[in-house]
């Protein structure tokens, strides 16, 4: 940017990060606040992904809350330890 017209522009080196955060089950208001905070502090093209552990006693989330996955965390691959996760 700012070079004279007709000059060859060099590419810029960018570094983007993708990060996954595991959290226990939270209510809908806290979930909305968390998303708002992460959107506010995320600068550039970094990608965040929240995996919220779902409790069986809580009401099921709505489709607008995110996708539901069944599986184990990579760091906790105990036999038969699959949980339900809300991913947003």
PDB file of N, CA and C in Angstrom:
ATOM      1  N   UNK A   1       0.848  -1.175   0.000  1.00  0.00           N
ATOM      2  CA  UNK A   1       0.000   0.000   0.000  1.00  0.00           C
ATOM      3  C   UNK A   1       0.891   1.234   0.000  1.00  0.00           C
ATOM      4  N   UNK A   2       0.505   2.231  -0.749  1.00  0.00           N
ATOM      5  CA  UNK A   2       1.252   3.461  -0.786  1.00  0.00           C
ATOM      6  C   UNK A   2       2.364   3.482  -1.815  1.00  0.00           C
ATOM      7  N   UNK A   3       2.576   2.358  -2.547  1.00  0.00           N
ATOM      8  CA  UNK A   3       3.600   2.337  -3.590  1.00  0.00           C
ATOM      9  C   UNK A   3       3.079   3.073  -4.824  1.00  0.00           C
ATOM     10  N   UNK A   4       3.982   3.573  -5.636  1.00  0.00           N
ATOM     11  CA  UNK A   4       3.552   4.239  -6.878  1.00  0.00           C
ATOM     12  C   UNK A   4       2.775   3.282  -7.777  1.00  0.00           C
ATOM     13  N   UNK A   5       1.851   3.818  -8.553  1.00  0.00           N
ATOM     14  CA  UNK A   5       1.038   3.004  -9.456  1.00  0.00           C
ATOM     15  C   UNK A   5       1.956   2.327 -10.467  1.00  0.00           C
ATOM     16  N   UNK A   6       1.706   1.049 -10.710  1.00  0.00           N
ATOM     17  CA  UNK A   6       2.476   0.297 -11.687  1.00  0.00           C
ATOM     18  C   UNK A   6       3.614  -0.507 -11.093  1.00  0.00           C
ATOM     19  N   UNK A   7       3.936  -0.307  -9.821  1.00  0.00           N
ATOM     20  CA  UNK A   7       5.006  -1.100  -9.213  1.00  0.00           C
ATOM     21  C   UNK A   7       4.458  -2.447  -8.767  1.00  0.00           C
ATOM     22  N   UNK A   8       5.344  -3.410  -8.666  1.00  0.00           N
ATOM     23  CA  UNK A   8       4.946  -4.750  -8.231  1.00  0.00           C
ATOM     24  C   UNK A   8       4.812  -4.743  -6.715  1.00  0.00           C
ATOM     25  N   UNK A   9       3.679  -5.210  -6.264  1.00  0.00           N
ATOM     26  CA  UNK A   9       3.437  -5.266  -4.823  1.00  0.00           C
ATOM     27  C   UNK A   9       3.916  -6.602  -4.286  1.00  0.00           C
ATOM     28  N   UNK A  10       4.657  -6.566  -3.239  1.00  0.00           N
ATOM     29  CA  UNK A  10       5.112  -7.790  -2.595  1.00  0.00           C
ATOM     30  C   UNK A  10       4.042  -8.341  -1.669  1.00  0.00           C
ATOM     31  N   UNK A  11       4.059  -9.633  -1.485  1.00  0.00           N
ATOM     32  CA  UNK A  11       3.080 -10.239  -0.582  1.00  0.00           C
ATOM     33  C   UNK A  11       3.476  -9.968   0.862  1.00  0.00           C
ATOM     34  N   UNK A  12       2.501  -9.963   1.702  1.00  0.00           N
ATOM     35  CA  UNK A  12       2.761  -9.776   3.132  1.00  0.00           C
ATOM     36  C   UNK A  12       2.707 -11.133   3.819  1.00  0.00           C
ATOM     37  N   UNK A  13       3.466 -11.263   4.858  1.00  0.00           N
ATOM     38  CA  UNK A  13       3.436 -12.495   5.636  1.00  0.00           C
ATOM     39  C   UNK A  13       2.423 -12.323   6.762  1.00  0.00           C
ATOM     40  N   UNK A  14       1.454 -13.203   6.783  1.00  0.00           N
ATOM     41  CA  UNK A  14       0.444 -13.170   7.823  1.00  0.00           C
ATOM     42  C   UNK A  14       0.537 -14.452   8.626  1.00  0.00           C
ATOM     43  N   UNK A  15       0.204 -14.357   9.864  1.00  0.00           N
ATOM     44  CA  UNK A  15       0.170 -15.527  10.735  1.00  0.00           C
ATOM     45  C   UNK A  15      -1.189 -15.551  11.420  1.00  0.00           C
ATOM     46  N   UNK A  16      -1.965 -16.566  11.145  1.00  0.00           N
ATOM     47  CA  UNK A  16      -3.283 -16.698  11.746  1.00  0.00           C
ATOM     48  C   UNK A  16      -3.266 -17.862  12.723  1.00  0.00           C
ATOM     49  N   UNK A  17      -4.052 -17.746  13.750  1.00  0.00           N
ATOM     50  CA  UNK A  17      -4.137 -18.789  14.761  1.00  0.00           C
ATOM     51  C   UNK A  17      -5.561 -19.303  14.838  1.00  0.00           C
ATOM     52  N   UNK A  18      -5.685 -20.587  15.058  1.00  0.00           N
ATOM     53  CA  UNK A  18      -6.972 -21.197  15.355  1.00  0.00           C
ATOM     54  C   UNK A  18      -6.849 -21.792  16.745  1.00  0.00           C
ATOM     55  N   UNK A  19      -7.804 -21.499  17.587  1.00  0.00           N
ATOM     56  CA  UNK A  19      -7.722 -22.047  18.933  1.00  0.00           C
ATOM     57  C   UNK A  19      -9.068 -22.576  19.377  1.00  0.00           C
ATOM     58  N   UNK A  20      -9.011 -23.632  20.176  1.00  0.00           N
ATOM     59  CA  UNK A  20     -10.194 -24.315  20.695  1.00  0.00           C
ATOM     60  C   UNK A  20     -10.177 -24.194  22.206  1.00  0.00           C
ATOM     61  N   UNK A  21     -11.316 -23.814  22.763  1.00  0.00           N
ATOM     62  CA  UNK A  21     -11.439 -23.633  24.208  1.00  0.00           C
ATOM     63  C   UNK A  21     -12.521 -24.583  24.711  1.00  0.00           C
ATOM     64  N   UNK A  22     -12.184 -25.389  25.715  1.00  0.00           N
ATOM     65  CA  UNK A  22     -13.151 -26.283  26.348  1.00  0.00           C
ATOM     66  C   UNK A  22     -13.654 -25.627  27.624  1.00  0.00           C
ATOM     67  N   UNK A  23     -14.985 -25.596  27.791  1.00  0.00           N
ATOM     68  CA  UNK A  23     -15.569 -25.000  28.991  1.00  0.00           C
ATOM     69  C   UNK A  23     -16.681 -25.897  29.515  1.00  0.00           C
ATOM     70  N   UNK A  24     -17.001 -25.781  30.809  1.00  0.00           N
ATOM     71  CA  UNK A  24     -18.159 -26.506  31.330  1.00  0.00           C
ATOM     72  C   UNK A  24     -19.440 -25.850  30.833  1.00  0.00           C
ATOM     73  N   UNK A  25     -20.557 -26.467  31.115  1.00  0.00           N
ATOM     74  CA  UNK A  25     -21.845 -25.958  30.666  1.00  0.00           C
ATOM     75  C   UNK A  25     -22.145 -24.599  31.292  1.00  0.00           C
ATOM     76  N   UNK A  26     -22.620 -23.656  30.476  1.00  0.00           N
ATOM     77  CA  UNK A  26     -23.000 -22.328  30.957  1.00  0.00           C
ATOM     78  C   UNK A  26     -24.396 -22.001  30.428  1.00  0.00           C
ATOM     79  N   UNK A  27     -25.012 -20.964  31.008  1.00  0.00           N
ATOM     80  CA  UNK A  27     -26.354 -20.606  30.558  1.00  0.00           C
ATOM     81  C   UNK A  27     -26.286 -19.779  29.277  1.00  0.00           C
ATOM     82  N   UNK A  28     -27.448 -19.536  28.681  1.00  0.00           N
ATOM     83  CA  UNK A  28     -27.503 -18.873  27.380  1.00  0.00           C
ATOM     84  C   UNK A  28     -26.967 -17.442  27.442  1.00  0.00           C
ATOM     85  N   UNK A  29     -27.265 -16.715  28.510  1.00  0.00           N
ATOM     86  CA  UNK A  29     -26.793 -15.332  28.639  1.00  0.00           C
ATOM     87  C   UNK A  29     -25.262 -15.295  28.722  1.00  0.00           C
ATOM     88  N   UNK A  30     -24.673 -16.200  29.509  1.00  0.00           N
ATOM     89  CA  UNK A  30     -23.210 -16.268  29.608  1.00  0.00           C
ATOM     90  C   UNK A  30     -22.593 -16.654  28.273  1.00  0.00           C
ATOM     91  N   UNK A  31     -23.261 -17.536  27.542  1.00  0.00           N
ATOM     92  CA  UNK A  31     -22.778 -17.959  26.226  1.00  0.00           C
ATOM     93  C   UNK A  31     -22.754 -16.765  25.261  1.00  0.00           C
ATOM     94  N   UNK A  32     -23.821 -15.972  25.271  1.00  0.00           N
ATOM     95  CA  UNK A  32     -23.873 -14.790  24.403  1.00  0.00           C
ATOM     96  C   UNK A  32     -22.794 -13.783  24.782  1.00  0.00           C
ATOM     97  N   UNK A  33     -22.576 -13.595  26.084  1.00  0.00           N
ATOM     98  CA  UNK A  33     -21.532 -12.671  26.533  1.00  0.00           C
ATOM     99  C   UNK A  33     -20.142 -13.159  26.127  1.00  0.00           C
ATOM    100  N   UNK A  34     -19.901 -14.466  26.241  1.00  0.00           N
ATOM    101  CA  UNK A  34     -18.608 -15.030  25.854  1.00  0.00           C
ATOM    102  C   UNK A  34     -18.336 -14.812  24.370  1.00  0.00           C
ATOM    103  N   UNK A  35     -19.342 -15.050  23.539  1.00  0.00           N
ATOM    104  CA  UNK A  35     -19.183 -14.848  22.098  1.00  0.00           C
ATOM    105  C   UNK A  35     -18.910 -13.380  21.797  1.00  0.00           C
ATOM    106  N   UNK A  36     -19.634 -12.490  22.466  1.00  0.00           N
ATOM    107  CA  UNK A  36     -19.431 -11.054  22.253  1.00  0.00           C
ATOM    108  C   UNK A  36     -18.013 -10.628  22.649  1.00  0.00           C
ATOM    109  N   UNK A  37     -17.524 -11.150  23.776  1.00  0.00           N
ATOM    110  CA  UNK A  37     -16.176 -10.811  24.238  1.00  0.00           C
ATOM    111  C   UNK A  37     -15.120 -11.336  23.264  1.00  0.00           C
ATOM    112  N   UNK A  38     -15.266 -12.587  22.826  1.00  0.00           N
ATOM    113  CA  UNK A  38     -14.286 -13.152  21.894  1.00  0.00           C
ATOM    114  C   UNK A  38     -14.287 -12.412  20.559  1.00  0.00           C
ATOM    115  N   UNK A  39     -15.459 -12.004  20.099  1.00  0.00           N
ATOM    116  CA  UNK A  39     -15.517 -11.219  18.864  1.00  0.00           C
ATOM    117  C   UNK A  39     -14.836  -9.868  19.035  1.00  0.00           C
ATOM    118  N   UNK A  40     -14.959  -9.285  20.230  1.00  0.00           N
ATOM    119  CA  UNK A  40     -14.379  -7.961  20.473  1.00  0.00           C
ATOM    120  C   UNK A  40     -12.853  -8.010  20.575  1.00  0.00           C
ATOM    121  N   UNK A  41     -12.309  -9.077  21.146  1.00  0.00           N
ATOM    122  CA  UNK A  41     -10.856  -9.137  21.329  1.00  0.00           C
ATOM    123  C   UNK A  41     -10.138  -9.806  20.165  1.00  0.00           C
ATOM    124  N   UNK A  42     -10.875 -10.435  19.274  1.00  0.00           N
ATOM    125  CA  UNK A  42     -10.267 -11.109  18.134  1.00  0.00           C
ATOM    126  C   UNK A  42      -9.945 -10.079  17.057  1.00  0.00           C
ATOM    127  N   UNK A  43      -8.670  -9.902  16.790  1.00  0.00           N
ATOM    128  CA  UNK A  43      -8.226  -8.942  15.784  1.00  0.00           C
ATOM    129  C   UNK A  43      -7.602  -9.717  14.635  1.00  0.00           C
ATOM    130  N   UNK A  44      -8.041  -9.437  13.436  1.00  0.00           N
ATOM    131  CA  UNK A  44      -7.482 -10.112  12.272  1.00  0.00           C
ATOM    132  C   UNK A  44      -8.289 -11.341  11.904  1.00  0.00           C
ATOM    133  N   UNK A  45      -7.616 -12.339  11.400  1.00  0.00           N
ATOM    134  CA  UNK A  45      -8.286 -13.526  10.897  1.00  0.00           C
ATOM    135  C   UNK A  45      -8.188 -14.728  11.802  1.00  0.00           C
ATOM    136  N   UNK A  46      -7.912 -14.515  13.073  1.00  0.00           N
ATOM    137  CA  UNK A  46      -7.821 -15.644  13.990  1.00  0.00           C
ATOM    138  C   UNK A  46      -9.187 -16.302  14.145  1.00  0.00           C
ATOM    139  N   UNK A  47      -9.180 -17.596  14.363  1.00  0.00           N
ATOM    140  CA  UNK A  47     -10.421 -18.360  14.452  1.00  0.00           C
ATOM    141  C   UNK A  47     -10.515 -18.994  15.825  1.00  0.00           C
ATOM    142  N   UNK A  48     -11.602 -18.725  16.521  1.00  0.00           N
ATOM    143  CA  UNK A  48     -11.817 -19.356  17.818  1.00  0.00           C
ATOM    144  C   UNK A  48     -12.967 -20.341  17.701  1.00  0.00           C
ATOM    145  N   UNK A  49     -12.922 -21.352  18.545  1.00  0.00           N
ATOM    146  CA  UNK A  49     -13.954 -22.379  18.573  1.00  0.00           C
ATOM    147  C   UNK A  49     -14.166 -22.760  20.032  1.00  0.00           C
ATOM    148  N   UNK A  50     -15.391 -22.671  20.498  1.00  0.00           N
ATOM    149  CA  UNK A  50     -15.725 -23.002  21.880  1.00  0.00           C
ATOM    150  C   UNK A  50     -16.430 -24.352  21.896  1.00  0.00           C
ATOM    151  N   UNK A  51     -15.938 -25.254  22.748  1.00  0.00           N
ATOM    152  CA  UNK A  51     -16.576 -26.549  22.962  1.00  0.00           C
ATOM    153  C   UNK A  51     -17.114 -26.547  24.384  1.00  0.00           C
ATOM    154  N   UNK A  52     -18.438 -26.479  24.492  1.00  0.00           N
ATOM    155  CA  UNK A  52     -19.097 -26.428  25.795  1.00  0.00           C
ATOM    156  C   UNK A  52     -19.647 -27.812  26.135  1.00  0.00           C
ATOM    157  N   UNK A  53     -19.230 -28.323  27.275  1.00  0.00           N
ATOM    158  CA  UNK A  53     -19.695 -29.641  27.711  1.00  0.00           C
ATOM    159  C   UNK A  53     -21.159 -29.537  28.123  1.00  0.00           C
ATOM    160  N   UNK A  54     -22.000 -30.406  27.569  1.00  0.00           N
ATOM    161  CA  UNK A  54     -23.426 -30.366  27.879  1.00  0.00           C
ATOM    162  C   UNK A  54     -23.745 -31.310  29.028  1.00  0.00           C
ATOM    163  N   UNK A  55     -24.547 -30.832  29.965  1.00  0.00           N
ATOM    164  CA  UNK A  55     -25.035 -31.669  31.056  1.00  0.00           C
ATOM    165  C   UNK A  55     -26.326 -32.339  30.616  1.00  0.00           C
ATOM    166  N   UNK A  56     -26.509 -33.574  31.030  1.00  0.00           N
ATOM    167  CA  UNK A  56     -27.726 -34.290  30.658  1.00  0.00           C
ATOM    168  C   UNK A  56     -28.948 -33.706  31.345  1.00  0.00           C
ATOM    169  N   UNK A  57     -28.771 -33.051  32.489  1.00  0.00           N
ATOM    170  CA  UNK A  57     -29.901 -32.502  33.236  1.00  0.00           C
ATOM    171  C   UNK A  57     -30.369 -31.151  32.695  1.00  0.00           C
ATOM    172  N   UNK A  58     -29.536 -30.471  31.900  1.00  0.00           N
ATOM    173  CA  UNK A  58     -29.914 -29.173  31.336  1.00  0.00           C
ATOM    174  C   UNK A  58     -30.830 -29.365  30.131  1.00  0.00           C
ATOM    175  N   UNK A  59     -31.675 -28.372  29.840  1.00  0.00           N
ATOM    176  CA  UNK A  59     -32.490 -28.469  28.619  1.00  0.00           C
ATOM    177  C   UNK A  59     -31.592 -28.438  27.386  1.00  0.00           C
ATOM    178  N   UNK A  60     -31.989 -29.121  26.328  1.00  0.00           N
ATOM    179  CA  UNK A  60     -31.134 -29.158  25.135  1.00  0.00           C
ATOM    180  C   UNK A  60     -31.028 -27.774  24.494  1.00  0.00           C
ATOM    181  N   UNK A  61     -29.880 -27.453  23.921  1.00  0.00           N
ATOM    182  CA  UNK A  61     -29.725 -26.154  23.257  1.00  0.00           C
ATOM    183  C   UNK A  61     -30.508 -26.108  21.950  1.00  0.00           C
ATOM    184  N   UNK A  62     -30.793 -24.910  21.501  1.00  0.00           N
ATOM    185  CA  UNK A  62     -31.491 -24.730  20.229  1.00  0.00           C
ATOM    186  C   UNK A  62     -30.468 -24.752  19.094  1.00  0.00           C
ATOM    187  N   UNK A  63     -30.916 -25.013  17.864  1.00  0.00           N
ATOM    188  CA  UNK A  63     -29.970 -25.028  16.734  1.00  0.00           C
ATOM    189  C   UNK A  63     -29.232 -23.705  16.537  1.00  0.00           C
ATOM    190  N   UNK A  64     -29.828 -22.597  16.939  1.00  0.00           N
ATOM    191  CA  UNK A  64     -29.146 -21.304  16.787  1.00  0.00           C
ATOM    192  C   UNK A  64     -27.977 -21.156  17.751  1.00  0.00           C
ATOM    193  N   UNK A  65     -27.930 -21.987  18.808  1.00  0.00           N
ATOM    194  CA  UNK A  65     -26.825 -21.923  19.769  1.00  0.00           C
ATOM    195  C   UNK A  65     -25.537 -22.507  19.209  1.00  0.00           C
ATOM    196  N   UNK A  66     -25.648 -23.474  18.313  1.00  0.00           N
ATOM    197  CA  UNK A  66     -24.459 -24.099  17.747  1.00  0.00           C
ATOM    198  C   UNK A  66     -24.723 -25.546  17.379  1.00  0.00           C
ATOM    199  N   UNK A  67     -23.678 -26.247  16.985  1.00  0.00           N
ATOM    200  CA  UNK A  67     -23.773 -27.654  16.609  1.00  0.00           C
ATOM    201  C   UNK A  67     -23.509 -28.536  17.815  1.00  0.00           C
ATOM    202  N   UNK A  68     -24.156 -29.689  17.858  1.00  0.00           N
ATOM    203  CA  UNK A  68     -23.937 -30.637  18.950  1.00  0.00           C
ATOM    204  C   UNK A  68     -23.110 -31.799  18.415  1.00  0.00           C
ATOM    205  N   UNK A  69     -22.036 -32.131  19.131  1.00  0.00           N
ATOM    206  CA  UNK A  69     -21.141 -33.224  18.767  1.00  0.00           C
ATOM    207  C   UNK A  69     -21.038 -34.199  19.931  1.00  0.00           C
ATOM    208  N   UNK A  70     -20.842 -35.457  19.596  1.00  0.00           N
ATOM    209  CA  UNK A  70     -20.592 -36.461  20.623  1.00  0.00           C
ATOM    210  C   UNK A  70     -19.175 -36.970  20.418  1.00  0.00           C
ATOM    211  N   UNK A  71     -18.401 -36.967  21.494  1.00  0.00           N
ATOM    212  CA  UNK A  71     -17.033 -37.449  21.390  1.00  0.00           C
ATOM    213  C   UNK A  71     -16.254 -37.111  22.631  1.00  0.00           C
ATOM    214  N   UNK A  72     -15.001 -37.486  22.641  1.00  0.00           N
ATOM    215  CA  UNK A  72     -14.120 -37.221  23.775  1.00  0.00           C
ATOM    216  C   UNK A  72     -13.123 -36.146  23.387  1.00  0.00           C
ATOM    217  N   UNK A  73     -12.673 -35.400  24.391  1.00  0.00           N
ATOM    218  CA  UNK A  73     -11.593 -34.447  24.139  1.00  0.00           C
ATOM    219  C   UNK A  73     -10.341 -35.227  23.793  1.00  0.00           C
ATOM    220  N   UNK A  74      -9.506 -34.656  22.945  1.00  0.00           N
ATOM    221  CA  UNK A  74      -8.290 -35.358  22.536  1.00  0.00           C
ATOM    222  C   UNK A  74      -7.377 -35.641  23.717  1.00  0.00           C
ATOM    223  N   UNK A  75      -7.412 -34.783  24.735  1.00  0.00           N
ATOM    224  CA  UNK A  75      -6.545 -34.979  25.892  1.00  0.00           C
ATOM    225  C   UNK A  75      -7.126 -35.961  26.901  1.00  0.00           C
ATOM    226  N   UNK A  76      -8.369 -36.368  26.706  1.00  0.00           N
ATOM    227  CA  UNK A  76      -9.024 -37.268  27.662  1.00  0.00           C
ATOM    228  C   UNK A  76      -9.688 -38.416  26.919  1.00  0.00           C
ATOM    229  N   UNK A  77      -8.929 -39.233  26.277  1.00  0.00           N
ATOM    230  CA  UNK A  77      -9.507 -40.308  25.481  1.00  0.00           C
ATOM    231  C   UNK A  77      -9.617 -41.587  26.297  1.00  0.00           C
ATOM    232  N   UNK A  78     -10.408 -41.533  27.348  1.00  0.00           N
ATOM    233  CA  UNK A  78     -10.686 -42.735  28.127  1.00  0.00           C
ATOM    234  C   UNK A  78     -11.699 -43.586  27.374  1.00  0.00           C
ATOM    235  N   UNK A  79     -11.628 -44.877  27.581  1.00  0.00           N
ATOM    236  CA  UNK A  79     -12.556 -45.769  26.896  1.00  0.00           C
ATOM    237  C   UNK A  79     -13.982 -45.487  27.353  1.00  0.00           C
ATOM    238  N   UNK A  80     -14.846 -45.248  26.409  1.00  0.00           N
ATOM    239  CA  UNK A  80     -16.249 -45.015  26.720  1.00  0.00           C
ATOM    240  C   UNK A  80     -16.536 -43.683  27.383  1.00  0.00           C
ATOM    241  N   UNK A  81     -15.633 -42.724  27.314  1.00  0.00           N
ATOM    242  CA  UNK A  81     -15.831 -41.435  27.982  1.00  0.00           C
ATOM    243  C   UNK A  81     -16.307 -40.374  26.999  1.00  0.00           C
ATOM    244  N   UNK A  82     -17.247 -40.726  26.134  1.00  0.00           N
ATOM    245  CA  UNK A  82     -17.738 -39.748  25.172  1.00  0.00           C
ATOM    246  C   UNK A  82     -18.799 -38.869  25.815  1.00  0.00           C
ATOM    247  N   UNK A  83     -18.724 -37.591  25.534  1.00  0.00           N
ATOM    248  CA  UNK A  83     -19.652 -36.608  26.069  1.00  0.00           C
ATOM    249  C   UNK A  83     -20.302 -35.865  24.915  1.00  0.00           C
ATOM    250  N   UNK A  84     -21.372 -35.150  25.236  1.00  0.00           N
ATOM    251  CA  UNK A  84     -22.000 -34.287  24.244  1.00  0.00           C
ATOM    252  C   UNK A  84     -21.462 -32.876  24.406  1.00  0.00           C
ATOM    253  N   UNK A  85     -21.105 -32.255  23.275  1.00  0.00           N
ATOM    254  CA  UNK A  85     -20.511 -30.924  23.270  1.00  0.00           C
ATOM    255  C   UNK A  85     -21.326 -30.002  22.389  1.00  0.00           C
ATOM    256  N   UNK A  86     -21.489 -28.764  22.833  1.00  0.00           N
ATOM    257  CA  UNK A  86     -22.074 -27.717  22.006  1.00  0.00           C
ATOM    258  C   UNK A  86     -20.912 -26.918  21.439  1.00  0.00           C
ATOM    259  N   UNK A  87     -20.825 -26.842  20.116  1.00  0.00           N
ATOM    260  CA  UNK A  87     -19.691 -26.186  19.466  1.00  0.00           C
ATOM    261  C   UNK A  87     -20.184 -24.916  18.786  1.00  0.00           C
ATOM    262  N   UNK A  88     -19.545 -23.811  19.128  1.00  0.00           N
ATOM    263  CA  UNK A  88     -19.890 -22.529  18.485  1.00  0.00           C
ATOM    264  C   UNK A  88     -18.656 -21.693  18.314  1.00  0.00           C
TER     265      UNK A  88
END
